[in-house]
Amino acid sequence: MEEFGALLIPAVLALAVLRLLVLPIRWFFKLAIHAAGGFVCLWLLNSTAVFTGVAIPVNLVTVLAAGFGGIPAMALMALLAVV
């Protein structure tokens, strides 16, 4: 029984450490996917700027806001760009 405990405790600790290391990688990929979606949305909006007169600068803050905020964030940024 002592051998089982001697093997179980390091195995559980190794799994816990591995999980803690994988979690930031997941957040990074989620951030990258949302940023790519925000960039595409801003690019589509800025490609119609000739017709609408609304152009939002493409930078890290606007890309992340568009990626995580979705359409409401895009609408708010468009309203702020007009004013």
PDB file of N, CA and C in Angstrom:
ATOM      1  N   MET A   1       0.821  -1.199   0.000  1.00  0.00           N
ATOM      2  CA  MET A   1       0.000   0.000   0.000  1.00  0.00           C
ATOM      3  C   MET A   1       0.858   1.253   0.000  1.00  0.00           C
ATOM      4  N   GLU A   2       2.001   1.192   0.657  1.00  0.00           N
ATOM      5  CA  GLU A   2       2.879   2.356   0.705  1.00  0.00           C
ATOM      6  C   GLU A   2       3.442   2.677  -0.674  1.00  0.00           C
ATOM      7  N   GLU A   3       3.671   1.631  -1.480  1.00  0.00           N
ATOM      8  CA  GLU A   3       4.187   1.854  -2.838  1.00  0.00           C
ATOM      9  C   GLU A   3       3.156   2.590  -3.689  1.00  0.00           C
ATOM     10  N   PHE A   4       1.885   2.237  -3.494  1.00  0.00           N
ATOM     11  CA  PHE A   4       0.826   2.898  -4.257  1.00  0.00           C
ATOM     12  C   PHE A   4       0.757   4.381  -3.914  1.00  0.00           C
ATOM     13  N   GLY A   5       0.828   4.712  -2.653  1.00  0.00           N
ATOM     14  CA  GLY A   5       0.816   6.104  -2.210  1.00  0.00           C
ATOM     15  C   GLY A   5       2.046   6.851  -2.675  1.00  0.00           C
ATOM     16  N   ALA A   6       3.173   6.144  -2.700  1.00  0.00           N
ATOM     17  CA  ALA A   6       4.415   6.776  -3.148  1.00  0.00           C
ATOM     18  C   ALA A   6       4.378   7.080  -4.643  1.00  0.00           C
ATOM     19  N   LEU A   7       3.600   6.344  -5.398  1.00  0.00           N
ATOM     20  CA  LEU A   7       3.456   6.604  -6.832  1.00  0.00           C
ATOM     21  C   LEU A   7       2.297   7.543  -7.136  1.00  0.00           C
ATOM     22  N   LEU A   8       1.257   7.489  -6.335  1.00  0.00           N
ATOM     23  CA  LEU A   8       0.066   8.286  -6.598  1.00  0.00           C
ATOM     24  C   LEU A   8       0.293   9.774  -6.352  1.00  0.00           C
ATOM     25  N   ILE A   9       0.951  10.118  -5.273  1.00  0.00           N
ATOM     26  CA  ILE A   9       1.142  11.533  -4.926  1.00  0.00           C
ATOM     27  C   ILE A   9       1.964  12.269  -5.981  1.00  0.00           C
ATOM     28  N   PRO A  10       3.115  11.761  -6.442  1.00  0.00           N
ATOM     29  CA  PRO A  10       3.844  12.472  -7.503  1.00  0.00           C
ATOM     30  C   PRO A  10       3.072  12.522  -8.821  1.00  0.00           C
ATOM     31  N   ALA A  11       2.290  11.487  -9.111  1.00  0.00           N
ATOM     32  CA  ALA A  11       1.511  11.485 -10.349  1.00  0.00           C
ATOM     33  C   ALA A  11       0.441  12.574 -10.317  1.00  0.00           C
ATOM     34  N   VAL A  12      -0.229  12.724  -9.190  1.00  0.00           N
ATOM     35  CA  VAL A  12      -1.268  13.755  -9.061  1.00  0.00           C
ATOM     36  C   VAL A  12      -0.629  15.145  -9.118  1.00  0.00           C
ATOM     37  N   LEU A  13       0.499  15.317  -8.486  1.00  0.00           N
ATOM     38  CA  LEU A  13       1.193  16.606  -8.533  1.00  0.00           C
ATOM     39  C   LEU A  13       1.662  16.929  -9.952  1.00  0.00           C
ATOM     40  N   ALA A  14       2.140  15.937 -10.681  1.00  0.00           N
ATOM     41  CA  ALA A  14       2.578  16.159 -12.065  1.00  0.00           C
ATOM     42  C   ALA A  14       1.397  16.555 -12.945  1.00  0.00           C
ATOM     43  N   LEU A  15       0.250  15.912 -12.750  1.00  0.00           N
ATOM     44  CA  LEU A  15      -0.938  16.271 -13.526  1.00  0.00           C
ATOM     45  C   LEU A  15      -1.416  17.684 -13.197  1.00  0.00           C
ATOM     46  N   ALA A  16      -1.336  18.072 -11.938  1.00  0.00           N
ATOM     47  CA  ALA A  16      -1.736  19.422 -11.549  1.00  0.00           C
ATOM     48  C   ALA A  16      -0.818  20.465 -12.173  1.00  0.00           C
ATOM     49  N   VAL A  17       0.483  20.213 -12.171  1.00  0.00           N
ATOM     50  CA  VAL A  17       1.431  21.149 -12.778  1.00  0.00           C
ATOM     51  C   VAL A  17       1.211  21.225 -14.280  1.00  0.00           C
ATOM     52  N   LEU A  18       0.978  20.077 -14.916  1.00  0.00           N
ATOM     53  CA  LEU A  18       0.728  20.060 -16.357  1.00  0.00           C
ATOM     54  C   LEU A  18      -0.525  20.850 -16.705  1.00  0.00           C
ATOM     55  N   ARG A  19      -1.552  20.716 -15.903  1.00  0.00           N
ATOM     56  CA  ARG A  19      -2.789  21.472 -16.145  1.00  0.00           C
ATOM     57  C   ARG A  19      -2.551  22.971 -16.000  1.00  0.00           C
ATOM     58  N   LEU A  20      -1.765  23.371 -15.031  1.00  0.00           N
ATOM     59  CA  LEU A  20      -1.464  24.792 -14.849  1.00  0.00           C
ATOM     60  C   LEU A  20      -0.644  25.342 -16.012  1.00  0.00           C
ATOM     61  N   LEU A  21       0.170  24.518 -16.636  1.00  0.00           N
ATOM     62  CA  LEU A  21       0.963  24.971 -17.776  1.00  0.00           C
ATOM     63  C   LEU A  21       0.145  25.050 -19.055  1.00  0.00           C
ATOM     64  N   VAL A  22      -0.851  24.190 -19.195  1.00  0.00           N
ATOM     65  CA  VAL A  22      -1.670  24.161 -20.402  1.00  0.00           C
ATOM     66  C   VAL A  22      -2.694  25.287 -20.405  1.00  0.00           C
ATOM     67  N   LEU A  23      -3.154  25.722 -19.257  1.00  0.00           N
ATOM     68  CA  LEU A  23      -4.192  26.742 -19.167  1.00  0.00           C
ATOM     69  C   LEU A  23      -3.807  28.055 -19.839  1.00  0.00           C
ATOM     70  N   PRO A  24      -2.600  28.613 -19.626  1.00  0.00           N
ATOM     71  CA  PRO A  24      -2.249  29.857 -20.322  1.00  0.00           C
ATOM     72  C   PRO A  24      -2.158  29.688 -21.837  1.00  0.00           C
ATOM     73  N   ILE A  25      -1.782  28.499 -22.295  1.00  0.00           N
ATOM     74  CA  ILE A  25      -1.722  28.262 -23.741  1.00  0.00           C
ATOM     75  C   ILE A  25      -3.124  28.331 -24.330  1.00  0.00           C
ATOM     76  N   ARG A  26      -4.100  27.771 -23.622  1.00  0.00           N
ATOM     77  CA  ARG A  26      -5.489  27.848 -24.072  1.00  0.00           C
ATOM     78  C   ARG A  26      -5.957  29.293 -24.151  1.00  0.00           C
ATOM     79  N   TRP A  27      -5.636  30.091 -23.134  1.00  0.00           N
ATOM     80  CA  TRP A  27      -6.032  31.509 -23.135  1.00  0.00           C
ATOM     81  C   TRP A  27      -5.386  32.246 -24.293  1.00  0.00           C
ATOM     82  N   PHE A  28      -4.130  31.927 -24.582  1.00  0.00           N
ATOM     83  CA  PHE A  28      -3.441  32.581 -25.688  1.00  0.00           C
ATOM     84  C   PHE A  28      -4.127  32.277 -27.011  1.00  0.00           C
ATOM     85  N   PHE A  29      -4.482  31.022 -27.255  1.00  0.00           N
ATOM     86  CA  PHE A  29      -5.144  30.676 -28.504  1.00  0.00           C
ATOM     87  C   PHE A  29      -6.536  31.291 -28.593  1.00  0.00           C
ATOM     88  N   LYS A  30      -7.248  31.354 -27.468  1.00  0.00           N
ATOM     89  CA  LYS A  30      -8.564  31.992 -27.465  1.00  0.00           C
ATOM     90  C   LYS A  30      -8.428  33.482 -27.784  1.00  0.00           C
ATOM     91  N   LEU A  31      -7.430  34.124 -27.202  1.00  0.00           N
ATOM     92  CA  LEU A  31      -7.168  35.531 -27.475  1.00  0.00           C
ATOM     93  C   LEU A  31      -6.811  35.738 -28.945  1.00  0.00           C
ATOM     94  N   ALA A  32      -6.000  34.852 -29.499  1.00  0.00           N
ATOM     95  CA  ALA A  32      -5.596  34.969 -30.898  1.00  0.00           C
ATOM     96  C   ALA A  32      -6.779  34.782 -31.839  1.00  0.00           C
ATOM     97  N   ILE A  33      -7.657  33.858 -31.544  1.00  0.00           N
ATOM     98  CA  ILE A  33      -8.828  33.630 -32.398  1.00  0.00           C
ATOM     99  C   ILE A  33      -9.766  34.827 -32.350  1.00  0.00           C
ATOM    100  N   HIS A  34     -10.006  35.364 -31.164  1.00  0.00           N
ATOM    101  CA  HIS A  34     -10.868  36.541 -31.042  1.00  0.00           C
ATOM    102  C   HIS A  34     -10.237  37.756 -31.729  1.00  0.00           C
ATOM    103  N   ALA A  35      -8.933  37.907 -31.597  1.00  0.00           N
ATOM    104  CA  ALA A  35      -8.252  39.030 -32.248  1.00  0.00           C
ATOM    105  C   ALA A  35      -8.339  38.902 -33.767  1.00  0.00           C
ATOM    106  N   ALA A  36      -8.206  37.703 -34.289  1.00  0.00           N
ATOM    107  CA  ALA A  36      -8.321  37.504 -35.741  1.00  0.00           C
ATOM    108  C   ALA A  36      -9.729  37.843 -36.216  1.00  0.00           C
ATOM    109  N   GLY A  37     -10.728  37.437 -35.455  1.00  0.00           N
ATOM    110  CA  GLY A  37     -12.112  37.784 -35.812  1.00  0.00           C
ATOM    111  C   GLY A  37     -12.349  39.286 -35.749  1.00  0.00           C
ATOM    112  N   GLY A  38     -11.804  39.935 -34.740  1.00  0.00           N
ATOM    113  CA  GLY A  38     -11.938  41.387 -34.629  1.00  0.00           C
ATOM    114  C   GLY A  38     -11.242  42.105 -35.773  1.00  0.00           C
ATOM    115  N   PHE A  39     -10.073  41.595 -36.161  1.00  0.00           N
ATOM    116  CA  PHE A  39      -9.350  42.195 -37.284  1.00  0.00           C
ATOM    117  C   PHE A  39     -10.156  42.079 -38.576  1.00  0.00           C
ATOM    118  N   VAL A  40     -10.748  40.928 -38.805  1.00  0.00           N
ATOM    119  CA  VAL A  40     -11.558  40.738 -40.011  1.00  0.00           C
ATOM    120  C   VAL A  40     -12.762  41.678 -40.004  1.00  0.00           C
ATOM    121  N   CYS A  41     -13.415  41.803 -38.856  1.00  0.00           N
ATOM    122  CA  CYS A  41     -14.566  42.712 -38.764  1.00  0.00           C
ATOM    123  C   CYS A  41     -14.159  44.163 -39.015  1.00  0.00           C
ATOM    124  N   LEU A  42     -13.050  44.586 -38.436  1.00  0.00           N
ATOM    125  CA  LEU A  42     -12.578  45.954 -38.675  1.00  0.00           C
ATOM    126  C   LEU A  42     -12.169  46.158 -40.128  1.00  0.00           C
ATOM    127  N   TRP A  43     -11.560  45.153 -40.714  1.00  0.00           N
ATOM    128  CA  TRP A  43     -11.167  45.259 -42.127  1.00  0.00           C
ATOM    129  C   TRP A  43     -12.405  45.387 -43.014  1.00  0.00           C
ATOM    130  N   LEU A  44     -13.441  44.607 -42.721  1.00  0.00           N
ATOM    131  CA  LEU A  44     -14.678  44.708 -43.500  1.00  0.00           C
ATOM    132  C   LEU A  44     -15.341  46.069 -43.322  1.00  0.00           C
ATOM    133  N   LEU A  45     -15.357  46.579 -42.108  1.00  0.00           N
ATOM    134  CA  LEU A  45     -15.952  47.894 -41.869  1.00  0.00           C
ATOM    135  C   LEU A  45     -15.152  48.989 -42.565  1.00  0.00           C
ATOM    136  N   ASN A  46     -13.830  48.910 -42.487  1.00  0.00           N
ATOM    137  CA  ASN A  46     -12.997  49.934 -43.114  1.00  0.00           C
ATOM    138  C   ASN A  46     -13.005  49.834 -44.632  1.00  0.00           C
ATOM    139  N   SER A  47     -13.303  48.652 -45.181  1.00  0.00           N
ATOM    140  CA  SER A  47     -13.385  48.545 -46.637  1.00  0.00           C
ATOM    141  C   SER A  47     -14.640  49.231 -47.180  1.00  0.00           C
ATOM    142  N   THR A  48     -15.633  49.443 -46.351  1.00  0.00           N
ATOM    143  CA  THR A  48     -16.830  50.170 -46.774  1.00  0.00           C
ATOM    144  C   THR A  48     -16.779  51.630 -46.358  1.00  0.00           C
ATOM    145  N   ALA A  49     -15.637  52.105 -45.883  1.00  0.00           N
ATOM    146  CA  ALA A  49     -15.517  53.484 -45.404  1.00  0.00           C
ATOM    147  C   ALA A  49     -15.719  54.492 -46.520  1.00  0.00           C
ATOM    148  N   VAL A  50     -15.453  54.113 -47.746  1.00  0.00           N
ATOM    149  CA  VAL A  50     -15.666  55.021 -48.874  1.00  0.00           C
ATOM    150  C   VAL A  50     -17.147  55.366 -48.995  1.00  0.00           C
ATOM    151  N   PHE A  51     -18.003  54.398 -48.734  1.00  0.00           N
ATOM    152  CA  PHE A  51     -19.448  54.611 -48.869  1.00  0.00           C
ATOM    153  C   PHE A  51     -20.087  55.158 -47.598  1.00  0.00           C
ATOM    154  N   THR A  52     -19.598  54.721 -46.446  1.00  0.00           N
ATOM    155  CA  THR A  52     -20.243  55.101 -45.186  1.00  0.00           C
ATOM    156  C   THR A  52     -19.573  56.277 -44.492  1.00  0.00           C
ATOM    157  N   GLY A  53     -18.318  56.500 -44.754  1.00  0.00           N
ATOM    158  CA  GLY A  53     -17.590  57.570 -44.097  1.00  0.00           C
ATOM    159  C   GLY A  53     -17.127  57.215 -42.692  1.00  0.00           C
ATOM    160  N   VAL A  54     -17.291  55.965 -42.299  1.00  0.00           N
ATOM    161  CA  VAL A  54     -16.886  55.507 -40.972  1.00  0.00           C
ATOM    162  C   VAL A  54     -15.633  54.657 -41.116  1.00  0.00           C
ATOM    163  N   ALA A  55     -14.553  55.101 -40.505  1.00  0.00           N
ATOM    164  CA  ALA A  55     -13.306  54.338 -40.510  1.00  0.00           C
ATOM    165  C   ALA A  55     -12.772  54.261 -39.093  1.00  0.00           C
ATOM    166  N   ILE A  56     -12.484  53.069 -38.651  1.00  0.00           N
ATOM    167  CA  ILE A  56     -11.958  52.847 -37.309  1.00  0.00           C
ATOM    168  C   ILE A  56     -10.499  52.424 -37.460  1.00  0.00           C
ATOM    169  N   PRO A  57      -9.587  53.074 -36.753  1.00  0.00           N
ATOM    170  CA  PRO A  57      -8.181  52.668 -36.866  1.00  0.00           C
ATOM    171  C   PRO A  57      -7.980  51.244 -36.358  1.00  0.00           C
ATOM    172  N   VAL A  58      -7.118  50.512 -37.040  1.00  0.00           N
ATOM    173  CA  VAL A  58      -6.839  49.130 -36.664  1.00  0.00           C
ATOM    174  C   VAL A  58      -5.599  49.120 -35.779  1.00  0.00           C
ATOM    175  N   ASN A  59      -5.810  48.895 -34.494  1.00  0.00           N
ATOM    176  CA  ASN A  59      -4.706  48.738 -33.544  1.00  0.00           C
ATOM    177  C   ASN A  59      -5.099  47.653 -32.552  1.00  0.00           C
ATOM    178  N   LEU A  60      -4.224  47.358 -31.631  1.00  0.00           N
ATOM    179  CA  LEU A  60      -4.449  46.238 -30.713  1.00  0.00           C
ATOM    180  C   LEU A  60      -5.715  46.421 -29.881  1.00  0.00           C
ATOM    181  N   VAL A  61      -5.962  47.618 -29.411  1.00  0.00           N
ATOM    182  CA  VAL A  61      -7.129  47.864 -28.550  1.00  0.00           C
ATOM    183  C   VAL A  61      -8.423  47.695 -29.332  1.00  0.00           C
ATOM    184  N   THR A  62      -8.495  48.273 -30.534  1.00  0.00           N
ATOM    185  CA  THR A  62      -9.734  48.166 -31.306  1.00  0.00           C
ATOM    186  C   THR A  62      -9.959  46.744 -31.806  1.00  0.00           C
ATOM    187  N   VAL A  63      -8.885  46.045 -32.159  1.00  0.00           N
ATOM    188  CA  VAL A  63      -9.024  44.661 -32.620  1.00  0.00           C
ATOM    189  C   VAL A  63      -9.538  43.773 -31.498  1.00  0.00           C
ATOM    190  N   LEU A  64      -8.975  43.907 -30.290  1.00  0.00           N
ATOM    191  CA  LEU A  64      -9.435  43.092 -29.168  1.00  0.00           C
ATOM    192  C   LEU A  64     -10.851  43.478 -28.728  1.00  0.00           C
ATOM    193  N   ALA A  65     -11.174  44.762 -28.781  1.00  0.00           N
ATOM    194  CA  ALA A  65     -12.536  45.186 -28.429  1.00  0.00           C
ATOM    195  C   ALA A  65     -13.542  44.620 -29.419  1.00  0.00           C
ATOM    196  N   ALA A  66     -13.203  44.642 -30.701  1.00  0.00           N
ATOM    197  CA  ALA A  66     -14.109  44.087 -31.712  1.00  0.00           C
ATOM    198  C   ALA A  66     -14.197  42.572 -31.589  1.00  0.00           C
ATOM    199  N   GLY A  67     -13.085  41.934 -31.254  1.00  0.00           N
ATOM    200  CA  GLY A  67     -13.094  40.483 -31.138  1.00  0.00           C
ATOM    201  C   GLY A  67     -13.882  39.980 -29.958  1.00  0.00           C
ATOM    202  N   PHE A  68     -13.739  40.624 -28.817  1.00  0.00           N
ATOM    203  CA  PHE A  68     -14.435  40.164 -27.617  1.00  0.00           C
ATOM    204  C   PHE A  68     -15.808  40.806 -27.450  1.00  0.00           C
ATOM    205  N   GLY A  69     -15.970  42.027 -27.929  1.00  0.00           N
ATOM    206  CA  GLY A  69     -17.246  42.719 -27.754  1.00  0.00           C
ATOM    207  C   GLY A  69     -18.264  42.416 -28.828  1.00  0.00           C
ATOM    208  N   GLY A  70     -17.797  41.982 -29.981  1.00  0.00           N
ATOM    209  CA  GLY A  70     -18.701  41.626 -31.061  1.00  0.00           C
ATOM    210  C   GLY A  70     -19.344  42.840 -31.709  1.00  0.00           C
ATOM    211  N   ILE A  71     -20.570  42.658 -32.165  1.00  0.00           N
ATOM    212  CA  ILE A  71     -21.284  43.706 -32.892  1.00  0.00           C
ATOM    213  C   ILE A  71     -21.583  44.924 -32.011  1.00  0.00           C
ATOM    214  N   PRO A  72     -21.963  44.764 -30.745  1.00  0.00           N
ATOM    215  CA  PRO A  72     -22.182  45.969 -29.931  1.00  0.00           C
ATOM    216  C   PRO A  72     -20.921  46.830 -29.795  1.00  0.00           C
ATOM    217  N   ALA A  73     -19.765  46.201 -29.649  1.00  0.00           N
ATOM    218  CA  ALA A  73     -18.520  46.966 -29.550  1.00  0.00           C
ATOM    219  C   ALA A  73     -18.199  47.646 -30.876  1.00  0.00           C
ATOM    220  N   MET A  74     -18.453  46.965 -31.979  1.00  0.00           N
ATOM    221  CA  MET A  74     -18.217  47.568 -33.296  1.00  0.00           C
ATOM    222  C   MET A  74     -19.142  48.768 -33.500  1.00  0.00           C
ATOM    223  N   ALA A  75     -20.384  48.639 -33.097  1.00  0.00           N
ATOM    224  CA  ALA A  75     -21.321  49.748 -33.239  1.00  0.00           C
ATOM    225  C   ALA A  75     -20.910  50.930 -32.368  1.00  0.00           C
ATOM    226  N   LEU A  76     -20.462  50.663 -31.168  1.00  0.00           N
ATOM    227  CA  LEU A  76     -20.012  51.745 -30.281  1.00  0.00           C
ATOM    228  C   LEU A  76     -18.787  52.435 -30.843  1.00  0.00           C
ATOM    229  N   MET A  77     -17.838  51.663 -31.363  1.00  0.00           N
ATOM    230  CA  MET A  77     -16.650  52.285 -31.956  1.00  0.00           C
ATOM    231  C   MET A  77     -17.010  53.075 -33.201  1.00  0.00           C
ATOM    232  N   ALA A  78     -17.967  52.605 -33.989  1.00  0.00           N
ATOM    233  CA  ALA A  78     -18.394  53.339 -35.170  1.00  0.00           C
ATOM    234  C   ALA A  78     -19.075  54.642 -34.774  1.00  0.00           C
ATOM    235  N   LEU A  79     -19.893  54.608 -33.720  1.00  0.00           N
ATOM    236  CA  LEU A  79     -20.537  55.845 -33.250  1.00  0.00           C
ATOM    237  C   LEU A  79     -19.499  56.831 -32.726  1.00  0.00           C
ATOM    238  N   LEU A  80     -18.480  56.323 -32.025  1.00  0.00           N
ATOM    239  CA  LEU A  80     -17.432  57.207 -31.514  1.00  0.00           C
ATOM    240  C   LEU A  80     -16.571  57.759 -32.650  1.00  0.00           C
ATOM    241  N   ALA A  81     -16.419  57.019 -33.731  1.00  0.00           N
ATOM    242  CA  ALA A  81     -15.625  57.498 -34.863  1.00  0.00           C
ATOM    243  C   ALA A  81     -16.350  58.607 -35.609  1.00  0.00           C
ATOM    244  N   VAL A  82     -17.674  58.580 -35.617  1.00  0.00           N
ATOM    245  CA  VAL A  82     -18.462  59.597 -36.319  1.00  0.00           C
ATOM    246  C   VAL A  82     -18.475  60.901 -35.532  1.00  0.00           C
ATOM    247  N   VAL A  83     -18.538  60.787 -34.223  1.00  0.00           N
ATOM    248  CA  VAL A  83     -18.642  61.983 -33.378  1.00  0.00           C
ATOM    249  C   VAL A  83     -17.368  62.723 -33.303  1.00  0.00           C
TER     250      VAL A  83
END
